PDB file of N, CA and C in Angstrom:
ATOM      1  N   MET A   1       0.854  -1.198   0.000  1.00  0.00           N
ATOM      2  CA  MET A   1       0.000   0.000   0.000  1.00  0.00           C
ATOM      3  C   MET A   1       0.896   1.257   0.000  1.00  0.00           C
ATOM      4  N   THR A   2       0.816   2.039  -1.073  1.00  0.00           N
ATOM      5  CA  THR A   2       1.636   3.243  -1.156  1.00  0.00           C
ATOM      6  C   THR A   2       0.766   4.475  -0.958  1.00  0.00           C
ATOM      7  N   LEU A   3       1.315   5.411  -0.240  1.00  0.00           N
ATOM      8  CA  LEU A   3       0.599   6.666  -0.032  1.00  0.00           C
ATOM      9  C   LEU A   3       1.012   7.653  -1.115  1.00  0.00           C
ATOM     10  N   GLN A   4       0.030   8.189  -1.816  1.00  0.00           N
ATOM     11  CA  GLN A   4       0.342   9.189  -2.843  1.00  0.00           C
ATOM     12  C   GLN A   4       0.506  10.544  -2.190  1.00  0.00           C
ATOM     13  N   LYS A   5       1.524  11.264  -2.651  1.00  0.00           N
ATOM     14  CA  LYS A   5       1.747  12.609  -2.121  1.00  0.00           C
ATOM     15  C   LYS A   5       0.801  13.579  -2.809  1.00  0.00           C
ATOM     16  N   VAL A   6       0.052  14.298  -2.015  1.00  0.00           N
ATOM     17  CA  VAL A   6      -0.850  15.302  -2.575  1.00  0.00           C
ATOM     18  C   VAL A   6      -0.072  16.605  -2.674  1.00  0.00           C
ATOM     19  N   LYS A   7      -0.015  17.145  -3.897  1.00  0.00           N
ATOM     20  CA  LYS A   7       0.735  18.373  -4.111  1.00  0.00           C
ATOM     21  C   LYS A   7      -0.052  19.553  -3.541  1.00  0.00           C
ATOM     22  N   LYS A   8       0.627  20.337  -2.714  1.00  0.00           N
ATOM     23  CA  LYS A   8      -0.033  21.511  -2.136  1.00  0.00           C
ATOM     24  C   LYS A   8      -0.109  22.620  -3.162  1.00  0.00           C
ATOM     25  N   ILE A   9      -1.269  23.238  -3.269  1.00  0.00           N
ATOM     26  CA  ILE A   9      -1.444  24.366  -4.187  1.00  0.00           C
ATOM     27  C   ILE A   9      -1.176  25.636  -3.395  1.00  0.00           C
ATOM     28  N   PRO A  10      -0.183  26.432  -3.839  1.00  0.00           N
ATOM     29  CA  PRO A  10       0.128  27.651  -3.087  1.00  0.00           C
ATOM     30  C   PRO A  10      -1.051  28.616  -3.066  1.00  0.00           C
ATOM     31  N   GLN A  11      -1.411  29.066  -1.873  1.00  0.00           N
ATOM     32  CA  GLN A  11      -2.523  29.998  -1.709  1.00  0.00           C
ATOM     33  C   GLN A  11      -1.980  31.404  -1.477  1.00  0.00           C
ATOM     34  N   ARG A  12      -2.661  32.398  -2.035  1.00  0.00           N
ATOM     35  CA  ARG A  12      -2.288  33.790  -1.815  1.00  0.00           C
ATOM     36  C   ARG A  12      -3.550  34.576  -1.480  1.00  0.00           C
ATOM     37  N   LYS A  13      -3.358  35.747  -0.874  1.00  0.00           N
ATOM     38  CA  LYS A  13      -4.497  36.564  -0.473  1.00  0.00           C
ATOM     39  C   LYS A  13      -4.527  37.852  -1.283  1.00  0.00           C
ATOM     40  N   CYS A  14      -5.694  38.190  -1.805  1.00  0.00           N
ATOM     41  CA  CYS A  14      -5.871  39.438  -2.546  1.00  0.00           C
ATOM     42  C   CYS A  14      -5.692  40.605  -1.571  1.00  0.00           C
ATOM     43  N   ILE A  15      -4.878  41.599  -1.949  1.00  0.00           N
ATOM     44  CA  ILE A  15      -4.617  42.725  -1.039  1.00  0.00           C
ATOM     45  C   ILE A  15      -5.816  43.666  -0.934  1.00  0.00           C
ATOM     46  N   ALA A  16      -6.781  43.521  -1.852  1.00  0.00           N
ATOM     47  CA  ALA A  16      -7.943  44.418  -1.816  1.00  0.00           C
ATOM     48  C   ALA A  16      -9.111  43.808  -1.042  1.00  0.00           C
ATOM     49  N   CYS A  17      -9.548  42.598  -1.453  1.00  0.00           N
ATOM     50  CA  CYS A  17     -10.753  42.016  -0.847  1.00  0.00           C
ATOM     51  C   CYS A  17     -10.438  40.962   0.211  1.00  0.00           C
ATOM     52  N   GLN A  18      -9.152  40.632   0.387  1.00  0.00           N
ATOM     53  CA  GLN A  18      -8.692  39.657   1.384  1.00  0.00           C
ATOM     54  C   GLN A  18      -9.147  38.222   1.109  1.00  0.00           C
ATOM     55  N   ASP A  19      -9.673  37.943  -0.087  1.00  0.00           N
ATOM     56  CA  ASP A  19     -10.056  36.576  -0.445  1.00  0.00           C
ATOM     57  C   ASP A  19      -8.806  35.758  -0.717  1.00  0.00           C
ATOM     58  N   ARG A  20      -8.841  34.486  -0.307  1.00  0.00           N
ATOM     59  CA  ARG A  20      -7.722  33.588  -0.610  1.00  0.00           C
ATOM     60  C   ARG A  20      -8.041  32.828  -1.888  1.00  0.00           C
ATOM     61  N   ASP A  21      -7.014  32.623  -2.696  1.00  0.00           N
ATOM     62  CA  ASP A  21      -7.178  31.867  -3.937  1.00  0.00           C
ATOM     63  C   ASP A  21      -5.835  31.230  -4.279  1.00  0.00           C
ATOM     64  N   SER A  22      -5.858  30.341  -5.274  1.00  0.00           N
ATOM     65  CA  SER A  22      -4.594  29.743  -5.697  1.00  0.00           C
ATOM     66  C   SER A  22      -3.754  30.824  -6.367  1.00  0.00           C
ATOM     67  N   LYS A  23      -2.447  30.611  -6.364  1.00  0.00           N
ATOM     68  CA  LYS A  23      -1.524  31.575  -6.953  1.00  0.00           C
ATOM     69  C   LYS A  23      -1.901  31.879  -8.397  1.00  0.00           C
ATOM     70  N   LYS A  24      -2.352  30.844  -9.125  1.00  0.00           N
ATOM     71  CA  LYS A  24      -2.709  31.013 -10.540  1.00  0.00           C
ATOM     72  C   LYS A  24      -4.018  31.787 -10.720  1.00  0.00           C
ATOM     73  N   GLY A  25      -4.866  31.788  -9.712  1.00  0.00           N
ATOM     74  CA  GLY A  25      -6.154  32.478  -9.803  1.00  0.00           C
ATOM     75  C   GLY A  25      -6.054  33.971  -9.559  1.00  0.00           C
ATOM     76  N   LEU A  26      -4.871  34.422  -9.149  1.00  0.00           N
ATOM     77  CA  LEU A  26      -4.665  35.840  -8.853  1.00  0.00           C
ATOM     78  C   LEU A  26      -3.600  36.410  -9.788  1.00  0.00           C
ATOM     79  N   ILE A  27      -3.539  37.731  -9.859  1.00  0.00           N
ATOM     80  CA  ILE A  27      -2.519  38.407 -10.662  1.00  0.00           C
ATOM     81  C   ILE A  27      -1.487  38.987  -9.702  1.00  0.00           C
ATOM     82  N   ARG A  28      -0.209  38.849 -10.054  1.00  0.00           N
ATOM     83  CA  ARG A  28       0.868  39.358  -9.202  1.00  0.00           C
ATOM     84  C   ARG A  28       1.303  40.728  -9.704  1.00  0.00           C
ATOM     85  N   ILE A  29       1.419  41.649  -8.771  1.00  0.00           N
ATOM     86  CA  ILE A  29       1.954  42.981  -9.071  1.00  0.00           C
ATOM     87  C   ILE A  29       3.309  43.032  -8.379  1.00  0.00           C
ATOM     88  N   VAL A  30       4.343  43.451  -9.105  1.00  0.00           N
ATOM     89  CA  VAL A  30       5.709  43.387  -8.593  1.00  0.00           C
ATOM     90  C   VAL A  30       6.341  44.766  -8.489  1.00  0.00           C
ATOM     91  N   LYS A  31       7.142  44.938  -7.438  1.00  0.00           N
ATOM     92  CA  LYS A  31       8.018  46.109  -7.345  1.00  0.00           C
ATOM     93  C   LYS A  31       9.437  45.569  -7.337  1.00  0.00           C
ATOM     94  N   ASN A  32      10.231  45.926  -8.363  1.00  0.00           N
ATOM     95  CA  ASN A  32      11.596  45.399  -8.443  1.00  0.00           C
ATOM     96  C   ASN A  32      12.588  46.336  -7.739  1.00  0.00           C
ATOM     97  N   LYS A  33      13.863  45.958  -7.780  1.00  0.00           N
ATOM     98  CA  LYS A  33      14.909  46.732  -7.082  1.00  0.00           C
ATOM     99  C   LYS A  33      14.981  48.173  -7.563  1.00  0.00           C
ATOM    100  N   GLU A  34      14.661  48.386  -8.855  1.00  0.00           N
ATOM    101  CA  GLU A  34      14.719  49.740  -9.421  1.00  0.00           C
ATOM    102  C   GLU A  34      13.508  50.570  -8.999  1.00  0.00           C
ATOM    103  N   GLY A  35      12.555  49.947  -8.317  1.00  0.00           N
ATOM    104  CA  GLY A  35      11.371  50.665  -7.863  1.00  0.00           C
ATOM    105  C   GLY A  35      10.257  50.699  -8.893  1.00  0.00           C
ATOM    106  N   GLU A  36      10.423  49.938  -9.996  1.00  0.00           N
ATOM    107  CA  GLU A  36       9.372  49.883 -11.015  1.00  0.00           C
ATOM    108  C   GLU A  36       8.263  48.963 -10.521  1.00  0.00           C
ATOM    109  N   ILE A  37       7.019  49.358 -10.784  1.00  0.00           N
ATOM    110  CA  ILE A  37       5.871  48.544 -10.380  1.00  0.00           C
ATOM    111  C   ILE A  37       5.118  48.146 -11.642  1.00  0.00           C
ATOM    112  N   PHE A  38       4.866  46.836 -11.791  1.00  0.00           N
ATOM    113  CA  PHE A  38       4.206  46.358 -13.011  1.00  0.00           C
ATOM    114  C   PHE A  38       3.469  45.047 -12.755  1.00  0.00           C
ATOM    115  N   LEU A  39       2.542  44.702 -13.672  1.00  0.00           N
ATOM    116  CA  LEU A  39       1.840  43.427 -13.600  1.00  0.00           C
ATOM    117  C   LEU A  39       2.805  42.331 -14.025  1.00  0.00           C
ATOM    118  N   ASP A  40       2.761  41.211 -13.333  1.00  0.00           N
ATOM    119  CA  ASP A  40       3.644  40.088 -13.647  1.00  0.00           C
ATOM    120  C   ASP A  40       2.783  38.874 -14.000  1.00  0.00           C
ATOM    121  N   PRO A  41       2.449  38.722 -15.292  1.00  0.00           N
ATOM    122  CA  PRO A  41       1.572  37.606 -15.684  1.00  0.00           C
ATOM    123  C   PRO A  41       2.204  36.233 -15.454  1.00  0.00           C
ATOM    124  N   THR A  42       3.555  36.156 -15.464  1.00  0.00           N
ATOM    125  CA  THR A  42       4.221  34.863 -15.271  1.00  0.00           C
ATOM    126  C   THR A  42       4.262  34.475 -13.792  1.00  0.00           C
ATOM    127  N   GLY A  43       4.254  35.476 -12.899  1.00  0.00           N
ATOM    128  CA  GLY A  43       4.349  35.209 -11.472  1.00  0.00           C
ATOM    129  C   GLY A  43       5.764  34.854 -11.042  1.00  0.00           C
ATOM    130  N   LYS A  44       6.736  35.103 -11.923  1.00  0.00           N
ATOM    131  CA  LYS A  44       8.117  34.705 -11.624  1.00  0.00           C
ATOM    132  C   LYS A  44       9.115  35.860 -11.634  1.00  0.00           C
ATOM    133  N   ALA A  45       8.663  37.069 -11.863  1.00  0.00           N
ATOM    134  CA  ALA A  45       9.582  38.210 -11.930  1.00  0.00           C
ATOM    135  C   ALA A  45      10.215  38.464 -10.563  1.00  0.00           C
ATOM    136  N   ASN A  46      11.469  38.931 -10.573  1.00  0.00           N
ATOM    137  CA  ASN A  46      12.157  39.241  -9.321  1.00  0.00           C
ATOM    138  C   ASN A  46      11.551  40.472  -8.684  1.00  0.00           C
ATOM    139  N   GLY A  47      11.518  40.488  -7.364  1.00  0.00           N
ATOM    140  CA  GLY A  47      11.025  41.654  -6.646  1.00  0.00           C
ATOM    141  C   GLY A  47       9.940  41.279  -5.661  1.00  0.00           C
ATOM    142  N   ARG A  48       9.449  42.282  -4.970  1.00  0.00           N
ATOM    143  CA  ARG A  48       8.401  42.079  -3.973  1.00  0.00           C
ATOM    144  C   ARG A  48       7.063  42.000  -4.688  1.00  0.00           C
ATOM    145  N   GLY A  49       6.287  40.975  -4.366  1.00  0.00           N
ATOM    146  CA  GLY A  49       5.014  40.781  -5.050  1.00  0.00           C
ATOM    147  C   GLY A  49       3.824  40.994  -4.144  1.00  0.00           C
ATOM    148  N   ALA A  50       2.746  41.476  -4.734  1.00  0.00           N
ATOM    149  CA  ALA A  50       1.457  41.588  -4.049  1.00  0.00           C
ATOM    150  C   ALA A  50       0.433  40.985  -4.999  1.00  0.00           C
ATOM    151  N   TYR A  51      -0.522  40.272  -4.453  1.00  0.00           N
ATOM    152  CA  TYR A  51      -1.492  39.584  -5.303  1.00  0.00           C
ATOM    153  C   TYR A  51      -2.842  40.289  -5.262  1.00  0.00           C
ATOM    154  N   ILE A  52      -3.540  40.206  -6.402  1.00  0.00           N
ATOM    155  CA  ILE A  52      -4.852  40.838  -6.520  1.00  0.00           C
ATOM    156  C   ILE A  52      -5.730  39.975  -7.414  1.00  0.00           C
ATOM    157  N   CYS A  53      -7.036  39.974  -7.159  1.00  0.00           N
ATOM    158  CA  CYS A  53      -7.972  39.199  -7.985  1.00  0.00           C
ATOM    159  C   CYS A  53      -7.907  39.695  -9.429  1.00  0.00           C
ATOM    160  N   LYS A  54      -8.320  38.838 -10.358  1.00  0.00           N
ATOM    161  CA  LYS A  54      -8.251  39.207 -11.781  1.00  0.00           C
ATOM    162  C   LYS A  54      -9.430  40.080 -12.190  1.00  0.00           C
ATOM    163  N   SER A  55      -9.824  41.020 -11.346  1.00  0.00           N
ATOM    164  CA  SER A  55     -10.931  41.906 -11.712  1.00  0.00           C
ATOM    165  C   SER A  55     -10.527  43.358 -11.463  1.00  0.00           C
ATOM    166  N   SER A  56     -11.011  44.230 -12.331  1.00  0.00           N
ATOM    167  CA  SER A  56     -10.684  45.646 -12.170  1.00  0.00           C
ATOM    168  C   SER A  56     -11.354  46.197 -10.909  1.00  0.00           C
ATOM    169  N   GLU A  57     -12.451  45.517 -10.453  1.00  0.00           N
ATOM    170  CA  GLU A  57     -13.133  45.937  -9.215  1.00  0.00           C
ATOM    171  C   GLU A  57     -12.149  45.905  -8.042  1.00  0.00           C
ATOM    172  N   CYS A  58     -11.419  44.789  -7.934  1.00  0.00           N
ATOM    173  CA  CYS A  58     -10.476  44.630  -6.821  1.00  0.00           C
ATOM    174  C   CYS A  58      -9.330  45.631  -6.918  1.00  0.00           C
ATOM    175  N   LEU A  59      -8.860  45.881  -8.129  1.00  0.00           N
ATOM    176  CA  LEU A  59      -7.775  46.845  -8.278  1.00  0.00           C
ATOM    177  C   LEU A  59      -8.263  48.239  -7.884  1.00  0.00           C
ATOM    178  N   LYS A  60      -9.492  48.566  -8.259  1.00  0.00           N
ATOM    179  CA  LYS A  60     -10.058  49.877  -7.874  1.00  0.00           C
ATOM    180  C   LYS A  60     -10.159  49.979  -6.351  1.00  0.00           C
ATOM    181  N   LYS A  61     -10.548  48.865  -5.711  1.00  0.00           N
ATOM    182  CA  LYS A  61     -10.641  48.827  -4.253  1.00  0.00           C
ATOM    183  C   LYS A  61      -9.249  49.032  -3.638  1.00  0.00           C
ATOM    184  N   ALA A  62      -8.233  48.391  -4.252  1.00  0.00           N
ATOM    185  CA  ALA A  62      -6.853  48.514  -3.761  1.00  0.00           C
ATOM    186  C   ALA A  62      -6.352  49.953  -3.918  1.00  0.00           C
ATOM    187  N   ILE A  63      -6.756  50.599  -5.009  1.00  0.00           N
ATOM    188  CA  ILE A  63      -6.356  51.993  -5.251  1.00  0.00           C
ATOM    189  C   ILE A  63      -6.976  52.890  -4.178  1.00  0.00           C
ATOM    190  N   LYS A  64      -8.276  52.660  -3.924  1.00  0.00           N
ATOM    191  CA  LYS A  64      -9.010  53.468  -2.953  1.00  0.00           C
ATOM    192  C   LYS A  64      -8.426  53.333  -1.548  1.00  0.00           C
ATOM    193  N   SER A  65      -8.087  52.092  -1.176  1.00  0.00           N
ATOM    194  CA  SER A  65      -7.588  51.840   0.179  1.00  0.00           C
ATOM    195  C   SER A  65      -6.062  51.975   0.272  1.00  0.00           C
ATOM    196  N   LYS A  66      -5.430  52.308  -0.859  1.00  0.00           N
ATOM    197  CA  LYS A  66      -3.970  52.449  -0.934  1.00  0.00           C
ATOM    198  C   LYS A  66      -3.260  51.174  -0.454  1.00  0.00           C
ATOM    199  N   ALA A  67      -3.822  50.014  -0.825  1.00  0.00           N
ATOM    200  CA  ALA A  67      -3.271  48.721  -0.403  1.00  0.00           C
ATOM    201  C   ALA A  67      -1.870  48.484  -0.955  1.00  0.00           C
ATOM    202  N   LEU A  68      -1.599  48.949  -2.184  1.00  0.00           N
ATOM    203  CA  LEU A  68      -0.260  48.757  -2.761  1.00  0.00           C
ATOM    204  C   LEU A  68       0.788  49.575  -2.005  1.00  0.00           C
ATOM    205  N   ASN A  69       0.389  50.744  -1.530  1.00  0.00           N
ATOM    206  CA  ASN A  69       1.323  51.573  -0.752  1.00  0.00           C
ATOM    207  C   ASN A  69       1.795  50.790   0.479  1.00  0.00           C
ATOM    208  N   ARG A  70       0.851  50.088   1.129  1.00  0.00           N
ATOM    209  CA  ARG A  70       1.203  49.299   2.310  1.00  0.00           C
ATOM    210  C   ARG A  70       2.037  48.078   1.929  1.00  0.00           C
ATOM    211  N   ALA A  71       1.627  47.395   0.857  1.00  0.00           N
ATOM    212  CA  ALA A  71       2.319  46.171   0.441  1.00  0.00           C
ATOM    213  C   ALA A  71       3.771  46.454   0.058  1.00  0.00           C
ATOM    214  N   PHE A  72       4.009  47.585  -0.608  1.00  0.00           N
ATOM    215  CA  PHE A  72       5.354  47.900  -1.074  1.00  0.00           C
ATOM    216  C   PHE A  72       6.083  48.887  -0.165  1.00  0.00           C
ATOM    217  N   LYS A  73       5.440  49.280   0.927  1.00  0.00           N
ATOM    218  CA  LYS A  73       6.022  50.216   1.902  1.00  0.00           C
ATOM    219  C   LYS A  73       6.568  51.475   1.233  1.00  0.00           C
ATOM    220  N   MET A  74       5.774  52.025   0.317  1.00  0.00           N
ATOM    221  CA  MET A  74       6.178  53.257  -0.360  1.00  0.00           C
ATOM    222  C   MET A  74       4.942  53.955  -0.918  1.00  0.00           C
ATOM    223  N   GLU A  75       5.092  55.193  -1.307  1.00  0.00           N
ATOM    224  CA  GLU A  75       3.995  55.938  -1.931  1.00  0.00           C
ATOM    225  C   GLU A  75       3.940  55.546  -3.404  1.00  0.00           C
ATOM    226  N   VAL A  76       2.816  54.982  -3.829  1.00  0.00           N
ATOM    227  CA  VAL A  76       2.679  54.565  -5.227  1.00  0.00           C
ATOM    228  C   VAL A  76       1.988  55.688  -6.006  1.00  0.00           C
ATOM    229  N   PRO A  77       2.661  56.240  -7.030  1.00  0.00           N
ATOM    230  CA  PRO A  77       2.075  57.346  -7.802  1.00  0.00           C
ATOM    231  C   PRO A  77       0.786  56.937  -8.531  1.00  0.00           C
ATOM    232  N   ASP A  78      -0.113  57.892  -8.729  1.00  0.00           N
ATOM    233  CA  ASP A  78      -1.398  57.628  -9.396  1.00  0.00           C
ATOM    234  C   ASP A  78      -1.215  57.091 -10.804  1.00  0.00           C
ATOM    235  N   GLU A  79      -0.138  57.559 -11.513  1.00  0.00           N
ATOM    236  CA  GLU A  79       0.080  57.100 -12.898  1.00  0.00           C
ATOM    237  C   GLU A  79       0.267  55.582 -12.922  1.00  0.00           C
ATOM    238  N   ILE A  80       0.940  55.051 -11.909  1.00  0.00           N
ATOM    239  CA  ILE A  80       1.177  53.599 -11.859  1.00  0.00           C
ATOM    240  C   ILE A  80      -0.143  52.872 -11.647  1.00  0.00           C
ATOM    241  N   TYR A  81      -0.967  53.375 -10.753  1.00  0.00           N
ATOM    242  CA  TYR A  81      -2.287  52.768 -10.528  1.00  0.00           C
ATOM    243  C   TYR A  81      -3.096  52.768 -11.825  1.00  0.00           C
ATOM    244  N   GLU A  82      -3.059  53.901 -12.537  1.00  0.00           N
ATOM    245  CA  GLU A  82      -3.823  54.012 -13.795  1.00  0.00           C
ATOM    246  C   GLU A  82      -3.304  53.039 -14.844  1.00  0.00           C
ATOM    247  N   ARG A  83      -1.959  52.902 -14.934  1.00  0.00           N
ATOM    248  CA  ARG A  83      -1.370  51.983 -15.902  1.00  0.00           C
ATOM    249  C   ARG A  83      -1.741  50.534 -15.567  1.00  0.00           C
ATOM    250  N   LEU A  84      -1.681  50.178 -14.278  1.00  0.00           N
ATOM    251  CA  LEU A  84      -2.046  48.822 -13.851  1.00  0.00           C
ATOM    252  C   LEU A  84      -3.503  48.532 -14.192  1.00  0.00           C
ATOM    253  N   LEU A  85      -4.363  49.524 -13.978  1.00  0.00           N
ATOM    254  CA  LEU A  85      -5.790  49.368 -14.270  1.00  0.00           C
ATOM    255  C   LEU A  85      -6.009  49.146 -15.764  1.00  0.00           C
ATOM    256  N   MET A  86      -5.294  49.913 -16.603  1.00  0.00           N
ATOM    257  CA  MET A  86      -5.419  49.746 -18.061  1.00  0.00           C
ATOM    258  C   MET A  86      -4.927  48.363 -18.483  1.00  0.00           C
ATOM    259  N   GLU A  87      -3.773  47.938 -17.950  1.00  0.00           N
ATOM    260  CA  GLU A  87      -3.225  46.613 -18.290  1.00  0.00           C
ATOM    261  C   GLU A  87      -4.196  45.510 -17.897  1.00  0.00           C
ATOM    262  N   LEU A  88      -4.775  45.643 -16.697  1.00  0.00           N
ATOM    263  CA  LEU A  88      -5.694  44.621 -16.189  1.00  0.00           C
ATOM    264  C   LEU A  88      -6.949  44.554 -17.046  1.00  0.00           C
ATOM    265  N   GLU A  89      -7.487  45.728 -17.418  1.00  0.00           N
ATOM    266  CA  GLU A  89      -8.704  45.752 -18.235  1.00  0.00           C
ATOM    267  C   GLU A  89      -8.437  45.183 -19.640  1.00  0.00           C
ATOM    268  N   ASN A  90      -7.219  45.362 -20.157  1.00  0.00           N
ATOM    269  CA  ASN A  90      -6.874  44.783 -21.461  1.00  0.00           C
ATOM    270  C   ASN A  90      -6.772  43.260 -21.388  1.00  0.00           C
ATOM    271  N   ASN A  91      -6.414  42.735 -20.221  1.00  0.00           N
ATOM    272  CA  ASN A  91      -6.262  41.291 -20.041  1.00  0.00           C
ATOM    273  C   ASN A  91      -7.569  40.584 -19.707  1.00  0.00           C
ATOM    274  N   GLU A  92      -8.606  41.329 -19.320  1.00  0.00           N
ATOM    275  CA  GLU A  92      -9.879  40.702 -18.908  1.00  0.00           C
ATOM    276  C   GLU A  92     -10.614  40.117 -20.095  1.00  0.00           C
TER     277      GLU A  92
END
């Protein structure tokens, strides 16, 4: 009798709505060493990551509550929020 190993699915929490989902079910936003903030569709880019649901609703909520500012411990300019929102809406 052999026991099969069940592979654990990495869970992440949306920074806006606090819902937990699999890593693949969320979109990763990254801040790299140069301080650039961008969407990371691969989920493998170097830098500090914050996860958000794949909906523009959640990103708008994150913008309103300044969740990215807390996640990245810095002031995130409005232009970056707007660019992330445009990228996300193009991917929906």
